[in-house]
Amino acid sequence: MTCSRKGCSVFCVGLALQDTILTLDRIPDRAAKVYAKGRREVGGGPAATAAVTVARLGGHASIAARTGEDNIGATIRDEFEAAGVDTAWLRAFPGIRSSGAVVLVDSSGERLIVAYADPELPSAANWLEPEDWGDAVLCDLTWPEGALRGLNAAQAAGIPSVLDADISRHAAGTVAAIVDAAGHVIFSRPGLTQFTGTESIEEGLRIARRPSHIFVGVTDGADGLFWLEDGELRNAPPPSVDVVDTTGAGDAFHGAFALALAHGRPIADAIVFSNTVAALKCTRPGGRAGLPDPAALCDFAPELDLDWLMVGA
């Protein structure tokens, strides 16, 4: 496969929000008043951070998402544009509050996320009609109508599709329809448990896999990616790093995976590449602040063949 334009393109569909990231020694396990050691304001959301990952790695990224026509929505758009992400399909709705989250990050880099989405946010996706969906499509579960539109378009165009299947507040049947429509499904560990009803990774992957799927896997933090291959459970752990902040690591993994598929890379290469991107992201605080560019990847993992990243650049 060769890219259809100068540099490979990934069209991302899903959630864009503003994160308030608070760092503290320990995440409380009961109601309490605690003081944070640091505070950062940064854009977040699975599809959104995946899009920024693609752009940071030298790919062409587009984002389709919904915000309010408010100051937070304007900030979200400004950050995308500063990162080089195409915002032609980022739609701001009047009278709607933009989505946001408070993220607590402890001294080991683990996090607790409390997210908010305006219940009046319009769900329809009939306005999402790009002439070109790029070389791969990535969706999350937060906007079912948008995800199905993107995944079905990818199937019709014969390009790879990637689903970031984290936990969802939507009905089980709605989530199942999105999972069914994707070519490559990568769950989070909580997302796989929610979808399949089992804590077992292997059993969960067997339940989740559909005949139409090309690849089904699950990320499990420091243990990396698990997937089924020839009926056997496989695992690829990430490189060892000093973890500072895991916020956005899964989103970075998905963005890197979709970009590798857009370049026509084999799945085995895409896994190694994505693991490395996600691990390196965790070495710096602030969510997107740690997203690596190709030069940082080469410095961190000189043994990786990354010549393909520069194709068309």
Protein backbone atom coordinates (compact mmCIF):
# COMPACT_ATOMS: atom_id res chain seq x y z
CA MET A 1 0.00 0.00 0.00
CA THR A 2 1.17 3.52 -0.74
CA CYS A 3 -0.24 6.68 0.74
CA SER A 4 -2.73 8.57 -1.38
CA ARG A 5 -1.16 11.95 -0.72
CA LYS A 6 2.01 13.61 0.49
CA GLY A 7 2.38 11.90 3.84
CA CYS A 8 -0.12 9.32 5.14
CA SER A 9 -3.39 10.57 6.57
CA VAL A 10 -5.54 9.35 9.47
CA PHE A 11 -9.10 10.62 9.92
CA CYS A 12 -10.03 10.55 13.63
CA VAL A 13 -13.62 10.59 14.86
CA GLY A 14 -14.74 10.92 18.47
CA LEU A 15 -14.18 12.92 21.62
CA ALA A 16 -12.37 16.24 21.98
CA LEU A 17 -12.35 17.83 25.41
CA GLN A 18 -10.29 20.01 27.73
CA ASP A 19 -8.39 18.30 30.56
CA THR A 20 -7.45 19.87 33.86
CA ILE A 21 -4.55 17.70 35.06
CA LEU A 22 -3.73 17.87 38.76
CA THR A 23 -0.64 16.13 40.13
CA LEU A 24 -0.50 14.91 43.71
CA ASP A 25 1.35 12.34 45.78
CA ARG A 26 -1.56 9.95 46.14
CA ILE A 27 -5.06 9.68 44.71
CA PRO A 28 -7.53 9.78 47.64
CA ASP A 29 -9.49 6.61 48.37
CA ARG A 30 -12.19 8.45 50.33
CA ALA A 31 -13.82 11.88 50.46
CA ALA A 32 -11.16 14.41 51.47
CA LYS A 33 -9.67 17.82 50.75
CA VAL A 34 -6.20 17.57 49.21
CA TYR A 35 -3.81 20.04 47.61
CA ALA A 36 -2.31 19.43 44.18
CA LYS A 37 1.39 19.90 43.50
CA GLY A 38 0.82 21.02 39.93
CA ARG A 39 -1.88 21.96 37.44
CA ARG A 40 -2.00 21.86 33.65
CA GLU A 41 -4.72 22.65 31.13
CA VAL A 42 -4.48 20.61 27.93
CA GLY A 43 -6.71 19.15 25.26
CA GLY A 44 -7.71 15.52 25.65
CA GLY A 45 -10.03 12.78 24.43
CA PRO A 46 -9.18 9.43 22.81
CA ALA A 47 -9.67 10.35 19.15
CA ALA A 48 -8.39 13.88 19.74
CA THR A 49 -5.10 12.83 21.34
CA ALA A 50 -4.70 10.12 18.70
CA ALA A 51 -4.99 12.84 16.04
CA VAL A 52 -2.32 14.96 17.74
CA THR A 53 -0.13 11.84 17.97
CA VAL A 54 -0.44 11.29 14.23
CA ALA A 55 0.47 14.92 13.52
CA ARG A 56 3.42 14.83 15.95
CA LEU A 57 4.74 11.74 14.17
CA GLY A 58 4.66 13.51 10.82
CA GLY A 59 1.36 12.18 9.49
CA HIS A 60 -1.62 14.18 8.28
CA ALA A 61 -4.40 14.11 10.87
CA SER A 62 -8.02 15.24 10.64
CA ILE A 63 -10.42 15.40 13.58
CA ALA A 64 -14.21 15.09 13.49
CA ALA A 65 -15.63 15.99 16.88
CA ARG A 66 -18.24 18.11 18.63
CA THR A 67 -17.67 21.04 20.98
CA GLY A 68 -19.70 23.86 22.36
CA GLU A 69 -19.57 27.33 20.87
CA ASP A 70 -17.80 28.56 23.99
CA ASN A 71 -14.34 29.57 25.22
CA ILE A 72 -13.34 25.97 25.93
CA GLY A 73 -14.38 24.94 22.43
CA ALA A 74 -12.27 27.75 20.98
CA THR A 75 -9.30 26.63 23.08
CA ILE A 76 -9.71 23.05 21.86
CA ARG A 77 -9.74 24.23 18.24
CA ASP A 78 -6.72 26.49 18.75
CA GLU A 79 -4.70 23.64 20.24
CA PHE A 80 -5.55 21.32 17.35
CA GLU A 81 -4.51 23.93 14.82
CA ALA A 82 -1.28 24.66 16.69
CA ALA A 83 -0.52 20.92 16.55
CA GLY A 84 -1.13 20.79 12.80
CA VAL A 85 -4.42 18.85 12.95
CA ASP A 86 -7.05 19.61 10.28
CA THR A 87 -10.15 20.98 12.03
CA ALA A 88 -12.47 21.24 9.01
CA TRP A 89 -14.81 18.69 10.65
CA LEU A 90 -14.58 20.00 14.22
CA ARG A 91 -18.08 21.38 14.77
CA ALA A 92 -19.03 23.89 17.47
CA PHE A 93 -22.69 23.91 18.57
CA PRO A 94 -24.29 27.03 20.07
CA GLY A 95 -25.84 26.67 23.50
CA ILE A 96 -23.75 23.58 24.30
CA ARG A 97 -21.02 23.31 26.96
CA SER A 98 -17.80 21.78 25.67
CA SER A 99 -16.70 18.50 27.20
CA GLY A 100 -14.07 18.46 29.93
CA ALA A 101 -12.36 16.28 32.50
CA VAL A 102 -10.39 16.54 35.71
CA VAL A 103 -7.44 14.14 35.77
CA LEU A 104 -5.68 13.29 39.04
CA VAL A 105 -2.15 11.92 38.51
CA ASP A 106 -0.23 10.37 41.42
CA SER A 107 3.51 10.07 42.03
CA SER A 108 3.71 6.76 40.13
CA GLY A 109 2.02 8.22 37.04
CA GLU A 110 -1.31 6.47 37.53
CA ARG A 111 -4.47 8.51 37.08
CA LEU A 112 -8.11 8.99 38.00
CA ILE A 113 -10.31 10.68 35.40
CA VAL A 114 -13.66 12.39 36.01
CA ALA A 115 -15.20 13.41 32.67
CA TYR A 116 -18.19 15.56 31.73
CA ALA A 117 -20.17 15.73 28.49
CA ASP A 118 -23.19 17.98 27.98
CA PRO A 119 -26.24 15.67 27.72
CA GLU A 120 -27.72 18.06 25.14
CA LEU A 121 -24.77 17.61 22.75
CA PRO A 122 -26.32 16.69 19.36
CA SER A 123 -25.64 13.06 18.45
CA ALA A 124 -26.44 13.16 14.72
CA ALA A 125 -23.54 12.69 12.30
CA ASN A 126 -25.33 13.34 8.99
CA TRP A 127 -23.21 16.49 8.57
CA LEU A 128 -20.00 14.43 8.58
CA GLU A 129 -19.44 14.06 4.82
CA PRO A 130 -15.76 14.44 3.89
CA GLU A 131 -14.90 13.70 0.27
CA ASP A 132 -11.73 11.93 1.40
CA TRP A 133 -11.38 9.78 4.53
CA GLY A 134 -7.61 9.52 4.12
CA ASP A 135 -5.51 6.37 4.40
CA ALA A 136 -6.99 5.08 7.68
CA VAL A 137 -9.88 5.91 10.00
CA LEU A 138 -9.69 5.87 13.80
CA CYS A 139 -12.77 6.11 16.03
CA ASP A 140 -13.55 5.94 19.72
CA LEU A 141 -16.82 4.89 21.40
CA THR A 142 -17.94 8.29 22.67
CA TRP A 143 -19.96 9.32 19.60
CA PRO A 144 -21.70 6.21 18.18
CA GLU A 145 -23.23 7.90 15.15
CA GLY A 146 -19.91 9.43 14.17
CA ALA A 147 -18.00 6.20 14.77
CA LEU A 148 -20.36 4.13 12.62
CA ARG A 149 -20.20 6.72 9.85
CA GLY A 150 -16.40 6.65 9.89
CA LEU A 151 -16.03 2.89 10.17
CA ASN A 152 -18.56 2.21 7.41
CA ALA A 153 -16.84 4.78 5.19
CA ALA A 154 -13.49 3.07 5.78
CA GLN A 155 -14.95 -0.29 4.82
CA ALA A 156 -16.47 1.18 1.65
CA ALA A 157 -13.17 2.85 0.73
CA GLY A 158 -11.11 -0.26 1.45
CA ILE A 159 -8.87 1.48 3.99
CA PRO A 160 -7.90 0.29 7.50
CA SER A 161 -10.11 1.21 10.45
CA VAL A 162 -9.09 1.23 14.11
CA LEU A 163 -11.47 1.34 17.08
CA ASP A 164 -10.31 2.58 20.49
CA ALA A 165 -12.66 0.50 22.66
CA ASP A 166 -12.45 1.94 26.16
CA ILE A 167 -15.26 1.83 28.72
CA SER A 168 -18.47 3.37 27.42
CA ARG A 169 -21.63 4.90 28.86
CA HIS A 170 -23.64 3.78 25.83
CA ALA A 171 -25.92 0.74 25.64
CA ALA A 172 -24.32 -2.66 25.09
CA GLY A 173 -26.06 -3.12 21.74
CA THR A 174 -24.82 0.26 20.52
CA VAL A 175 -21.24 -0.59 21.48
CA ALA A 176 -21.54 -4.03 19.87
CA ALA A 177 -22.59 -2.49 16.55
CA ILE A 178 -19.50 -0.26 16.58
CA VAL A 179 -17.19 -3.15 17.49
CA ASP A 180 -18.73 -5.21 14.68
CA ALA A 181 -18.06 -2.46 12.13
CA ALA A 182 -14.35 -2.02 12.89
CA GLY A 183 -11.52 -3.84 11.17
CA HIS A 184 -8.98 -3.48 14.00
CA VAL A 185 -10.30 -3.29 17.56
CA ILE A 186 -8.00 -2.47 20.48
CA PHE A 187 -9.70 -2.47 23.87
CA SER A 188 -8.48 -1.05 27.13
CA ARG A 189 -8.50 -3.68 29.88
CA PRO A 190 -11.56 -2.09 31.57
CA GLY A 191 -13.21 -1.71 28.17
CA LEU A 192 -12.76 -5.40 27.37
CA THR A 193 -14.15 -6.40 30.77
CA GLN A 194 -17.18 -4.15 30.33
CA PHE A 195 -17.85 -5.44 26.81
CA THR A 196 -17.43 -9.16 27.52
CA GLY A 197 -18.28 -9.49 31.21
CA THR A 198 -15.08 -11.36 32.08
CA GLU A 199 -11.83 -10.33 33.78
CA SER A 200 -9.90 -12.90 31.74
CA ILE A 201 -7.97 -11.31 28.89
CA GLU A 202 -7.88 -14.48 26.80
CA GLU A 203 -11.54 -15.32 27.30
CA GLY A 204 -12.52 -11.71 26.70
CA LEU A 205 -10.64 -11.55 23.41
CA ARG A 206 -12.26 -14.79 22.24
CA ILE A 207 -15.71 -13.40 23.08
CA ALA A 208 -15.03 -10.03 21.45
CA ARG A 209 -13.53 -11.31 18.21
CA ARG A 210 -15.77 -11.33 15.12
CA PRO A 211 -15.13 -13.18 11.83
CA SER A 212 -14.91 -9.81 10.07
CA HIS A 213 -12.15 -8.53 12.34
CA ILE A 214 -8.58 -8.34 11.09
CA PHE A 215 -7.12 -7.80 14.54
CA VAL A 216 -8.45 -7.69 18.11
CA GLY A 217 -6.25 -6.80 21.07
CA VAL A 218 -6.24 -5.21 24.50
CA THR A 219 -3.78 -2.85 26.15
CA ASP A 220 -3.04 -3.53 29.80
CA GLY A 221 -0.82 -0.74 31.10
CA ALA A 222 2.76 -1.74 31.83
CA ASP A 223 2.07 -5.27 30.54
CA GLY A 224 1.55 -3.92 27.02
CA LEU A 225 -0.63 -5.42 24.32
CA PHE A 226 -2.32 -8.84 24.30
CA TRP A 227 -3.94 -10.36 21.23
CA LEU A 228 -4.92 -13.71 19.72
CA GLU A 229 -2.86 -15.10 16.86
CA ASP A 230 -3.52 -18.51 15.33
CA GLY A 231 -5.72 -19.27 18.31
CA GLU A 232 -2.98 -18.50 20.85
CA LEU A 233 -2.72 -15.58 23.28
CA ARG A 234 0.24 -13.32 22.43
CA ASN A 235 1.79 -10.47 24.38
CA ALA A 236 4.10 -7.59 23.49
CA PRO A 237 5.31 -5.60 26.52
CA PRO A 238 6.37 -1.98 26.01
CA PRO A 239 9.94 -0.74 26.44
CA SER A 240 10.95 -0.06 30.04
CA VAL A 241 10.79 3.64 30.96
CA ASP A 242 10.61 5.81 34.06
CA VAL A 243 6.89 6.53 34.15
CA VAL A 244 5.88 10.09 35.02
CA ASP A 245 2.34 10.36 33.63
CA THR A 246 0.27 7.70 31.85
CA THR A 247 -2.44 10.16 30.76
CA GLY A 248 -3.05 9.70 27.04
CA ALA A 249 -0.78 6.67 26.66
CA GLY A 250 -3.56 4.48 25.29
CA ASP A 251 -4.68 7.24 22.93
CA ALA A 252 -1.08 7.60 21.70
CA PHE A 253 -0.92 3.84 21.12
CA HIS A 254 -4.07 3.91 18.98
CA GLY A 255 -2.93 6.93 16.98
CA ALA A 256 0.46 5.37 16.27
CA PHE A 257 -1.17 2.04 15.35
CA ALA A 258 -3.52 3.73 12.88
CA LEU A 259 -0.66 5.70 11.33
CA ALA A 260 1.40 2.54 10.88
CA LEU A 261 -1.55 0.84 9.16
CA ALA A 262 -2.04 3.91 6.97
CA HIS A 263 1.56 3.44 5.84
CA GLY A 264 0.82 -0.21 5.04
CA ARG A 265 3.04 -1.58 7.80
CA PRO A 266 2.54 -5.19 8.96
CA ILE A 267 0.63 -5.55 12.22
CA ALA A 268 3.74 -6.89 13.98
CA ASP A 269 5.61 -3.68 13.11
CA ALA A 270 2.63 -1.55 14.08
CA ILE A 271 2.57 -3.16 17.55
CA VAL A 272 6.25 -2.49 18.25
CA PHE A 273 5.96 1.06 16.93
CA SER A 274 2.82 1.82 18.97
CA ASN A 275 4.25 0.33 22.16
CA THR A 276 7.32 2.53 21.79
CA VAL A 277 5.31 5.69 21.13
CA ALA A 278 3.06 5.06 24.15
CA ALA A 279 5.99 4.26 26.44
CA LEU A 280 7.90 7.38 25.48
CA LYS A 281 4.78 9.50 26.02
CA CYS A 282 4.72 8.32 29.65
CA THR A 283 8.16 9.80 30.40
CA ARG A 284 6.87 13.39 30.52
CA PRO A 285 3.98 14.97 32.45
CA GLY A 286 0.99 16.64 30.90
CA GLY A 287 -0.81 14.24 28.57
CA ARG A 288 0.05 15.43 25.07
CA ALA A 289 3.27 17.12 26.18
CA GLY A 290 5.07 13.77 26.09
CA LEU A 291 3.95 12.74 22.60
CA PRO A 292 7.14 12.00 20.66
CA ASP A 293 8.18 13.13 17.20
CA PRO A 294 10.23 10.90 14.88
CA ALA A 295 13.52 12.39 16.12
CA ALA A 296 12.66 11.57 19.75
CA LEU A 297 11.72 8.03 18.72
CA CYS A 298 15.03 7.56 16.90
CA ASP A 299 16.97 8.79 19.94
CA PHE A 300 14.99 6.55 22.28
CA ALA A 301 14.94 3.40 20.12
CA PRO A 302 17.66 3.64 17.44
CA GLU A 303 17.18 -0.04 16.64
CA LEU A 304 13.74 0.64 15.15
CA ASP A 305 13.39 0.97 11.37
CA LEU A 306 11.51 4.24 11.03
CA ASP A 307 12.43 5.13 7.45
CA TRP A 308 8.82 4.52 6.45
CA LEU A 309 7.71 7.43 8.65
CA MET A 310 9.51 9.81 6.35
CA VAL A 311 7.88 8.53 3.14
CA GLY A 312 6.22 11.44 1.39
CA ALA A 313 7.29 13.87 4.11
